[in-house]
Amino acid sequence: MQQTVNHSYNGSRRKRLLRLRGVQELTGLSRSYIYDLVNRGLLPPPVTLVPGGTSRAWVEDEILNFIDQRIAERDQEVGQ
């Protein structure tokens, strides 16, 4: 089950925040590899849900952009 949190942005645009499980489902990556990619600056970092808290989530659009970039890189390599 994908856990998401919806957030209203500028009154009209909706942003979705994905918890770790949602990122794992979208990317097929393990928990440890997701955090490794974040630490290496290759995956966007999560946002803290509550100031001073430990709960974190990723912006869905940023994760989808990461996936699109991987596909574009693959397609570029295949086209060479």
PDB file of N, CA and C in Angstrom:
ATOM      1  N   MET A   1       0.832  -1.175   0.000  1.00  0.00           N
ATOM      2  CA  MET A   1       0.000   0.000   0.000  1.00  0.00           C
ATOM      3  C   MET A   1       0.879   1.241   0.000  1.00  0.00           C
ATOM      4  N   GLN A   2       0.682   2.112  -0.958  1.00  0.00           N
ATOM      5  CA  GLN A   2       1.480   3.320  -1.095  1.00  0.00           C
ATOM      6  C   GLN A   2       0.973   4.375  -0.125  1.00  0.00           C
ATOM      7  N   GLN A   3       1.880   4.918   0.694  1.00  0.00           N
ATOM      8  CA  GLN A   3       1.501   5.956   1.635  1.00  0.00           C
ATOM      9  C   GLN A   3       1.850   7.306   1.043  1.00  0.00           C
ATOM     10  N   THR A   4       0.872   8.181   0.945  1.00  0.00           N
ATOM     11  CA  THR A   4       1.116   9.517   0.417  1.00  0.00           C
ATOM     12  C   THR A   4       0.458  10.545   1.314  1.00  0.00           C
ATOM     13  N   VAL A   5       0.975  11.752   1.246  1.00  0.00           N
ATOM     14  CA  VAL A   5       0.397  12.877   1.944  1.00  0.00           C
ATOM     15  C   VAL A   5       0.156  13.950   0.893  1.00  0.00           C
ATOM     16  N   ASN A   6      -1.059  14.453   0.787  1.00  0.00           N
ATOM     17  CA  ASN A   6      -1.360  15.504  -0.176  1.00  0.00           C
ATOM     18  C   ASN A   6      -1.186  16.866   0.474  1.00  0.00           C
ATOM     19  N   HIS A   7      -0.679  17.815  -0.303  1.00  0.00           N
ATOM     20  CA  HIS A   7      -0.465  19.161   0.201  1.00  0.00           C
ATOM     21  C   HIS A   7      -0.919  20.150  -0.851  1.00  0.00           C
ATOM     22  N   SER A   8      -1.733  21.097  -0.457  1.00  0.00           N
ATOM     23  CA  SER A   8      -2.189  22.127  -1.385  1.00  0.00           C
ATOM     24  C   SER A   8      -1.056  23.124  -1.597  1.00  0.00           C
ATOM     25  N   TYR A   9      -0.811  23.481  -2.841  1.00  0.00           N
ATOM     26  CA  TYR A   9       0.294  24.371  -3.191  1.00  0.00           C
ATOM     27  C   TYR A   9      -0.261  25.535  -3.977  1.00  0.00           C
ATOM     28  N   ASN A  10      -0.083  26.748  -3.496  1.00  0.00           N
ATOM     29  CA  ASN A  10      -0.567  27.964  -4.145  1.00  0.00           C
ATOM     30  C   ASN A  10      -2.062  27.917  -4.441  1.00  0.00           C
ATOM     31  N   GLY A  11      -2.809  27.190  -3.658  1.00  0.00           N
ATOM     32  CA  GLY A  11      -4.247  27.186  -3.792  1.00  0.00           C
ATOM     33  C   GLY A  11      -4.805  26.368  -4.935  1.00  0.00           C
ATOM     34  N   SER A  12      -4.037  26.126  -5.996  1.00  0.00           N
ATOM     35  CA  SER A  12      -4.592  25.415  -7.147  1.00  0.00           C
ATOM     36  C   SER A  12      -3.809  24.154  -7.494  1.00  0.00           C
ATOM     37  N   ARG A  13      -2.543  24.164  -7.313  1.00  0.00           N
ATOM     38  CA  ARG A  13      -1.713  23.017  -7.671  1.00  0.00           C
ATOM     39  C   ARG A  13      -1.551  22.086  -6.481  1.00  0.00           C
ATOM     40  N   ARG A  14      -1.667  20.788  -6.724  1.00  0.00           N
ATOM     41  CA  ARG A  14      -1.529  19.816  -5.642  1.00  0.00           C
ATOM     42  C   ARG A  14      -0.198  19.103  -5.782  1.00  0.00           C
ATOM     43  N   LYS A  15       0.524  19.035  -4.696  1.00  0.00           N
ATOM     44  CA  LYS A  15       1.779  18.283  -4.625  1.00  0.00           C
ATOM     45  C   LYS A  15       1.518  17.065  -3.762  1.00  0.00           C
ATOM     46  N   ARG A  16       2.165  15.966  -4.127  1.00  0.00           N
ATOM     47  CA  ARG A  16       2.057  14.764  -3.308  1.00  0.00           C
ATOM     48  C   ARG A  16       3.404  14.444  -2.708  1.00  0.00           C
ATOM     49  N   LEU A  17       3.367  14.046  -1.461  1.00  0.00           N
ATOM     50  CA  LEU A  17       4.565  13.595  -0.779  1.00  0.00           C
ATOM     51  C   LEU A  17       4.480  12.098  -0.626  1.00  0.00           C
ATOM     52  N   LEU A  18       5.573  11.432  -0.968  1.00  0.00           N
ATOM     53  CA  LEU A  18       5.638   9.975  -0.873  1.00  0.00           C
ATOM     54  C   LEU A  18       6.493   9.572   0.302  1.00  0.00           C
ATOM     55  N   ARG A  19       5.979   8.669   1.094  1.00  0.00           N
ATOM     56  CA  ARG A  19       6.792   8.089   2.145  1.00  0.00           C
ATOM     57  C   ARG A  19       7.750   7.089   1.493  1.00  0.00           C
ATOM     58  N   LEU A  20       8.671   6.565   2.267  1.00  0.00           N
ATOM     59  CA  LEU A  20       9.708   5.678   1.740  1.00  0.00           C
ATOM     60  C   LEU A  20       9.125   4.523   0.929  1.00  0.00           C
ATOM     61  N   ARG A  21       8.075   3.915   1.434  1.00  0.00           N
ATOM     62  CA  ARG A  21       7.484   2.770   0.731  1.00  0.00           C
ATOM     63  C   ARG A  21       6.999   3.169  -0.671  1.00  0.00           C
ATOM     64  N   GLY A  22       6.440   4.363  -0.802  1.00  0.00           N
ATOM     65  CA  GLY A  22       5.990   4.841  -2.101  1.00  0.00           C
ATOM     66  C   GLY A  22       7.149   5.039  -3.070  1.00  0.00           C
ATOM     67  N   VAL A  23       8.270   5.566  -2.552  1.00  0.00           N
ATOM     68  CA  VAL A  23       9.466   5.740  -3.384  1.00  0.00           C
ATOM     69  C   VAL A  23       9.994   4.370  -3.819  1.00  0.00           C
ATOM     70  N   GLN A  24       9.992   3.417  -2.888  1.00  0.00           N
ATOM     71  CA  GLN A  24      10.443   2.068  -3.230  1.00  0.00           C
ATOM     72  C   GLN A  24       9.560   1.459  -4.315  1.00  0.00           C
ATOM     73  N   GLU A  25       8.256   1.648  -4.207  1.00  0.00           N
ATOM     74  CA  GLU A  25       7.340   1.083  -5.200  1.00  0.00           C
ATOM     75  C   GLU A  25       7.535   1.723  -6.569  1.00  0.00           C
ATOM     76  N   LEU A  26       7.740   3.044  -6.609  1.00  0.00           N
ATOM     77  CA  LEU A  26       7.919   3.724  -7.893  1.00  0.00           C
ATOM     78  C   LEU A  26       9.247   3.387  -8.560  1.00  0.00           C
ATOM     79  N   THR A  27      10.302   3.277  -7.756  1.00  0.00           N
ATOM     80  CA  THR A  27      11.637   3.104  -8.332  1.00  0.00           C
ATOM     81  C   THR A  27      12.103   1.660  -8.390  1.00  0.00           C
ATOM     82  N   GLY A  28      11.557   0.806  -7.544  1.00  0.00           N
ATOM     83  CA  GLY A  28      12.039  -0.566  -7.461  1.00  0.00           C
ATOM     84  C   GLY A  28      13.340  -0.685  -6.682  1.00  0.00           C
ATOM     85  N   LEU A  29      13.734   0.388  -5.993  1.00  0.00           N
ATOM     86  CA  LEU A  29      14.990   0.405  -5.245  1.00  0.00           C
ATOM     87  C   LEU A  29      14.754   0.042  -3.785  1.00  0.00           C
ATOM     88  N   SER A  30      15.783  -0.483  -3.149  1.00  0.00           N
ATOM     89  CA  SER A  30      15.695  -0.828  -1.732  1.00  0.00           C
ATOM     90  C   SER A  30      15.855   0.423  -0.876  1.00  0.00           C
ATOM     91  N   ARG A  31      15.452   0.307   0.370  1.00  0.00           N
ATOM     92  CA  ARG A  31      15.568   1.395   1.329  1.00  0.00           C
ATOM     93  C   ARG A  31      17.005   1.888   1.424  1.00  0.00           C
ATOM     94  N   SER A  32      17.936   0.961   1.615  1.00  0.00           N
ATOM     95  CA  SER A  32      19.334   1.360   1.805  1.00  0.00           C
ATOM     96  C   SER A  32      19.904   2.021   0.551  1.00  0.00           C
ATOM     97  N   TYR A  33      19.502   1.539  -0.630  1.00  0.00           N
ATOM     98  CA  TYR A  33      20.031   2.132  -1.863  1.00  0.00           C
ATOM     99  C   TYR A  33      19.437   3.517  -2.102  1.00  0.00           C
ATOM    100  N   ILE A  34      18.176   3.717  -1.722  1.00  0.00           N
ATOM    101  CA  ILE A  34      17.570   5.048  -1.835  1.00  0.00           C
ATOM    102  C   ILE A  34      18.355   6.043  -1.000  1.00  0.00           C
ATOM    103  N   TYR A  35      18.641   5.691   0.245  1.00  0.00           N
ATOM    104  CA  TYR A  35      19.396   6.605   1.105  1.00  0.00           C
ATOM    105  C   TYR A  35      20.832   6.782   0.627  1.00  0.00           C
ATOM    106  N   ASP A  36      21.414   5.752   0.044  1.00  0.00           N
ATOM    107  CA  ASP A  36      22.758   5.875  -0.529  1.00  0.00           C
ATOM    108  C   ASP A  36      22.747   6.879  -1.681  1.00  0.00           C
ATOM    109  N   LEU A  37      21.750   6.789  -2.555  1.00  0.00           N
ATOM    110  CA  LEU A  37      21.641   7.732  -3.673  1.00  0.00           C
ATOM    111  C   LEU A  37      21.423   9.158  -3.177  1.00  0.00           C
ATOM    112  N   VAL A  38      20.616   9.325  -2.133  1.00  0.00           N
ATOM    113  CA  VAL A  38      20.406  10.653  -1.555  1.00  0.00           C
ATOM    114  C   VAL A  38      21.723  11.192  -1.011  1.00  0.00           C
ATOM    115  N   ASN A  39      22.454  10.370  -0.280  1.00  0.00           N
ATOM    116  CA  ASN A  39      23.733  10.804   0.303  1.00  0.00           C
ATOM    117  C   ASN A  39      24.751  11.176  -0.752  1.00  0.00           C
ATOM    118  N   ARG A  40      24.682  10.535  -1.914  1.00  0.00           N
ATOM    119  CA  ARG A  40      25.615  10.841  -3.004  1.00  0.00           C
ATOM    120  C   ARG A  40      25.097  11.957  -3.905  1.00  0.00           C
ATOM    121  N   GLY A  41      23.931  12.508  -3.592  1.00  0.00           N
ATOM    122  CA  GLY A  41      23.377  13.608  -4.372  1.00  0.00           C
ATOM    123  C   GLY A  41      22.767  13.180  -5.695  1.00  0.00           C
ATOM    124  N   LEU A  42      22.470  11.899  -5.850  1.00  0.00           N
ATOM    125  CA  LEU A  42      21.929  11.386  -7.106  1.00  0.00           C
ATOM    126  C   LEU A  42      20.410  11.250  -7.085  1.00  0.00           C
ATOM    127  N   LEU A  43      19.822  11.330  -5.915  1.00  0.00           N
ATOM    128  CA  LEU A  43      18.366  11.277  -5.754  1.00  0.00           C
ATOM    129  C   LEU A  43      17.985  12.461  -4.876  1.00  0.00           C
ATOM    130  N   PRO A  44      16.901  13.165  -5.214  1.00  0.00           N
ATOM    131  CA  PRO A  44      16.515  14.310  -4.382  1.00  0.00           C
ATOM    132  C   PRO A  44      16.291  13.886  -2.932  1.00  0.00           C
ATOM    133  N   PRO A  45      16.682  14.720  -1.993  1.00  0.00           N
ATOM    134  CA  PRO A  45      16.493  14.379  -0.582  1.00  0.00           C
ATOM    135  C   PRO A  45      15.030  14.516  -0.176  1.00  0.00           C
ATOM    136  N   PRO A  46      14.646  13.820   0.891  1.00  0.00           N
ATOM    137  CA  PRO A  46      13.279  13.962   1.395  1.00  0.00           C
ATOM    138  C   PRO A  46      13.115  15.289   2.129  1.00  0.00           C
ATOM    139  N   VAL A  47      11.866  15.668   2.337  1.00  0.00           N
ATOM    140  CA  VAL A  47      11.562  16.846   3.154  1.00  0.00           C
ATOM    141  C   VAL A  47      11.126  16.367   4.535  1.00  0.00           C
ATOM    142  N   THR A  48      11.421  17.163   5.537  1.00  0.00           N
ATOM    143  CA  THR A  48      10.981  16.860   6.895  1.00  0.00           C
ATOM    144  C   THR A  48       9.523  17.284   7.014  1.00  0.00           C
ATOM    145  N   LEU A  49       8.670  16.383   7.481  1.00  0.00           N
ATOM    146  CA  LEU A  49       7.237  16.671   7.530  1.00  0.00           C
ATOM    147  C   LEU A  49       6.853  17.613   8.667  1.00  0.00           C
ATOM    148  N   VAL A  50       7.570  17.531   9.783  1.00  0.00           N
ATOM    149  CA  VAL A  50       7.293  18.393  10.935  1.00  0.00           C
ATOM    150  C   VAL A  50       8.624  18.965  11.396  1.00  0.00           C
ATOM    151  N   PRO A  51       8.723  20.302  11.537  1.00  0.00           N
ATOM    152  CA  PRO A  51       9.983  20.877  12.004  1.00  0.00           C
ATOM    153  C   PRO A  51      10.459  20.208  13.289  1.00  0.00           C
ATOM    154  N   GLY A  52      11.703  19.769  13.269  1.00  0.00           N
ATOM    155  CA  GLY A  52      12.287  19.110  14.423  1.00  0.00           C
ATOM    156  C   GLY A  52      11.932  17.634  14.540  1.00  0.00           C
ATOM    157  N   GLY A  53      11.065  17.160  13.650  1.00  0.00           N
ATOM    158  CA  GLY A  53      10.647  15.766  13.701  1.00  0.00           C
ATOM    159  C   GLY A  53      11.543  14.869  12.871  1.00  0.00           C
ATOM    160  N   THR A  54      11.246  13.597  12.889  1.00  0.00           N
ATOM    161  CA  THR A  54      12.046  12.631  12.142  1.00  0.00           C
ATOM    162  C   THR A  54      11.313  12.060  10.934  1.00  0.00           C
ATOM    163  N   SER A  55      10.012  12.348  10.789  1.00  0.00           N
ATOM    164  CA  SER A  55       9.257  11.843   9.640  1.00  0.00           C
ATOM    165  C   SER A  55       9.652  12.604   8.385  1.00  0.00           C
ATOM    166  N   ARG A  56       9.917  11.836   7.314  1.00  0.00           N
ATOM    167  CA  ARG A  56      10.347  12.432   6.060  1.00  0.00           C
ATOM    168  C   ARG A  56       9.547  11.839   4.915  1.00  0.00           C
ATOM    169  N   ALA A  57       9.472  12.616   3.834  1.00  0.00           N
ATOM    170  CA  ALA A  57       8.789  12.151   2.623  1.00  0.00           C
ATOM    171  C   ALA A  57       9.427  12.838   1.430  1.00  0.00           C
ATOM    172  N   TRP A  58       9.270  12.233   0.264  1.00  0.00           N
ATOM    173  CA  TRP A  58       9.827  12.768  -0.967  1.00  0.00           C
ATOM    174  C   TRP A  58       8.730  13.421  -1.789  1.00  0.00           C
ATOM    175  N   VAL A  59       9.090  14.461  -2.540  1.00  0.00           N
ATOM    176  CA  VAL A  59       8.149  15.107  -3.441  1.00  0.00           C
ATOM    177  C   VAL A  59       7.990  14.193  -4.656  1.00  0.00           C
ATOM    178  N   GLU A  60       6.759  13.777  -4.931  1.00  0.00           N
ATOM    179  CA  GLU A  60       6.503  12.824  -6.002  1.00  0.00           C
ATOM    180  C   GLU A  60       7.057  13.307  -7.344  1.00  0.00           C
ATOM    181  N   ASP A  61       6.848  14.582  -7.681  1.00  0.00           N
ATOM    182  CA  ASP A  61       7.342  15.109  -8.957  1.00  0.00           C
ATOM    183  C   ASP A  61       8.861  14.950  -9.084  1.00  0.00           C
ATOM    184  N   GLU A  62       9.585  15.135  -7.986  1.00  0.00           N
ATOM    185  CA  GLU A  62      11.040  14.998  -8.029  1.00  0.00           C
ATOM    186  C   GLU A  62      11.448  13.548  -8.273  1.00  0.00           C
ATOM    187  N   ILE A  63      10.723  12.613  -7.676  1.00  0.00           N
ATOM    188  CA  ILE A  63      11.025  11.199  -7.892  1.00  0.00           C
ATOM    189  C   ILE A  63      10.678  10.809  -9.322  1.00  0.00           C
ATOM    190  N   LEU A  64       9.551  11.306  -9.841  1.00  0.00           N
ATOM    191  CA  LEU A  64       9.183  11.009 -11.222  1.00  0.00           C
ATOM    192  C   LEU A  64      10.192  11.612 -12.201  1.00  0.00           C
ATOM    193  N   ASN A  65      10.723  12.795 -11.890  1.00  0.00           N
ATOM    194  CA  ASN A  65      11.783  13.387 -12.724  1.00  0.00           C
ATOM    195  C   ASN A  65      13.044  12.536 -12.698  1.00  0.00           C
ATOM    196  N   PHE A  66      13.392  12.002 -11.522  1.00  0.00           N
ATOM    197  CA  PHE A  66      14.538  11.106 -11.399  1.00  0.00           C
ATOM    198  C   PHE A  66      14.351   9.891 -12.314  1.00  0.00           C
ATOM    199  N   ILE A  67      13.164   9.307 -12.293  1.00  0.00           N
ATOM    200  CA  ILE A  67      12.872   8.149 -13.143  1.00  0.00           C
ATOM    201  C   ILE A  67      12.967   8.538 -14.619  1.00  0.00           C
ATOM    202  N   ASP A  68      12.395   9.680 -14.981  1.00  0.00           N
ATOM    203  CA  ASP A  68      12.462  10.148 -16.377  1.00  0.00           C
ATOM    204  C   ASP A  68      13.912  10.352 -16.827  1.00  0.00           C
ATOM    205  N   GLN A  69      14.757  10.869 -15.942  1.00  0.00           N
ATOM    206  CA  GLN A  69      16.168  11.071 -16.278  1.00  0.00           C
ATOM    207  C   GLN A  69      16.867   9.738 -16.526  1.00  0.00           C
ATOM    208  N   ARG A  70      16.570   8.739 -15.696  1.00  0.00           N
ATOM    209  CA  ARG A  70      17.180   7.418 -15.896  1.00  0.00           C
ATOM    210  C   ARG A  70      16.766   6.846 -17.255  1.00  0.00           C
ATOM    211  N   ILE A  71      15.494   7.005 -17.612  1.00  0.00           N
ATOM    212  CA  ILE A  71      15.001   6.505 -18.897  1.00  0.00           C
ATOM    213  C   ILE A  71      15.670   7.250 -20.040  1.00  0.00           C
ATOM    214  N   ALA A  72      15.790   8.574 -19.928  1.00  0.00           N
ATOM    215  CA  ALA A  72      16.428   9.363 -20.978  1.00  0.00           C
ATOM    216  C   ALA A  72      17.890   8.973 -21.152  1.00  0.00           C
ATOM    217  N   GLU A  73      18.597   8.738 -20.040  1.00  0.00           N
ATOM    218  CA  GLU A  73      19.992   8.306 -20.133  1.00  0.00           C
ATOM    219  C   GLU A  73      20.091   6.953 -20.809  1.00  0.00           C
ATOM    220  N   ARG A  74      19.198   6.047 -20.468  1.00  0.00           N
ATOM    221  CA  ARG A  74      19.185   4.728 -21.111  1.00  0.00           C
ATOM    222  C   ARG A  74      18.948   4.863 -22.612  1.00  0.00           C
ATOM    223  N   ASP A  75      17.978   5.680 -22.985  1.00  0.00           N
ATOM    224  CA  ASP A  75      17.651   5.856 -24.391  1.00  0.00           C
ATOM    225  C   ASP A  75      18.788   6.498 -25.164  1.00  0.00           C
ATOM    226  N   GLN A  76      19.492   7.417 -24.528  1.00  0.00           N
ATOM    227  CA  GLN A  76      20.648   8.054 -25.160  1.00  0.00           C
ATOM    228  C   GLN A  76      21.765   7.052 -25.389  1.00  0.00           C
ATOM    229  N   GLU A  77      21.991   6.174 -24.410  1.00  0.00           N
ATOM    230  CA  GLU A  77      23.036   5.160 -24.545  1.00  0.00           C
ATOM    231  C   GLU A  77      22.673   4.143 -25.626  1.00  0.00           C
ATOM    232  N   VAL A  78      21.421   3.769 -25.700  1.00  0.00           N
ATOM    233  CA  VAL A  78      20.962   2.792 -26.693  1.00  0.00           C
ATOM    234  C   VAL A  78      21.056   3.386 -28.087  1.00  0.00           C
ATOM    235  N   GLY A  79      20.824   4.699 -28.215  1.00  0.00           N
ATOM    236  CA  GLY A  79      20.850   5.352 -29.513  1.00  0.00           C
ATOM    237  C   GLY A  79      22.240   5.622 -30.053  1.00  0.00           C
ATOM    238  N   GLN A  80      23.271   5.380 -29.267  1.00  0.00           N
ATOM    239  CA  GLN A  80      24.645   5.673 -29.709  1.00  0.00           C
ATOM    240  C   GLN A  80      25.151   4.657 -30.687  1.00  0.00           C
TER     241      GLN A  80
END
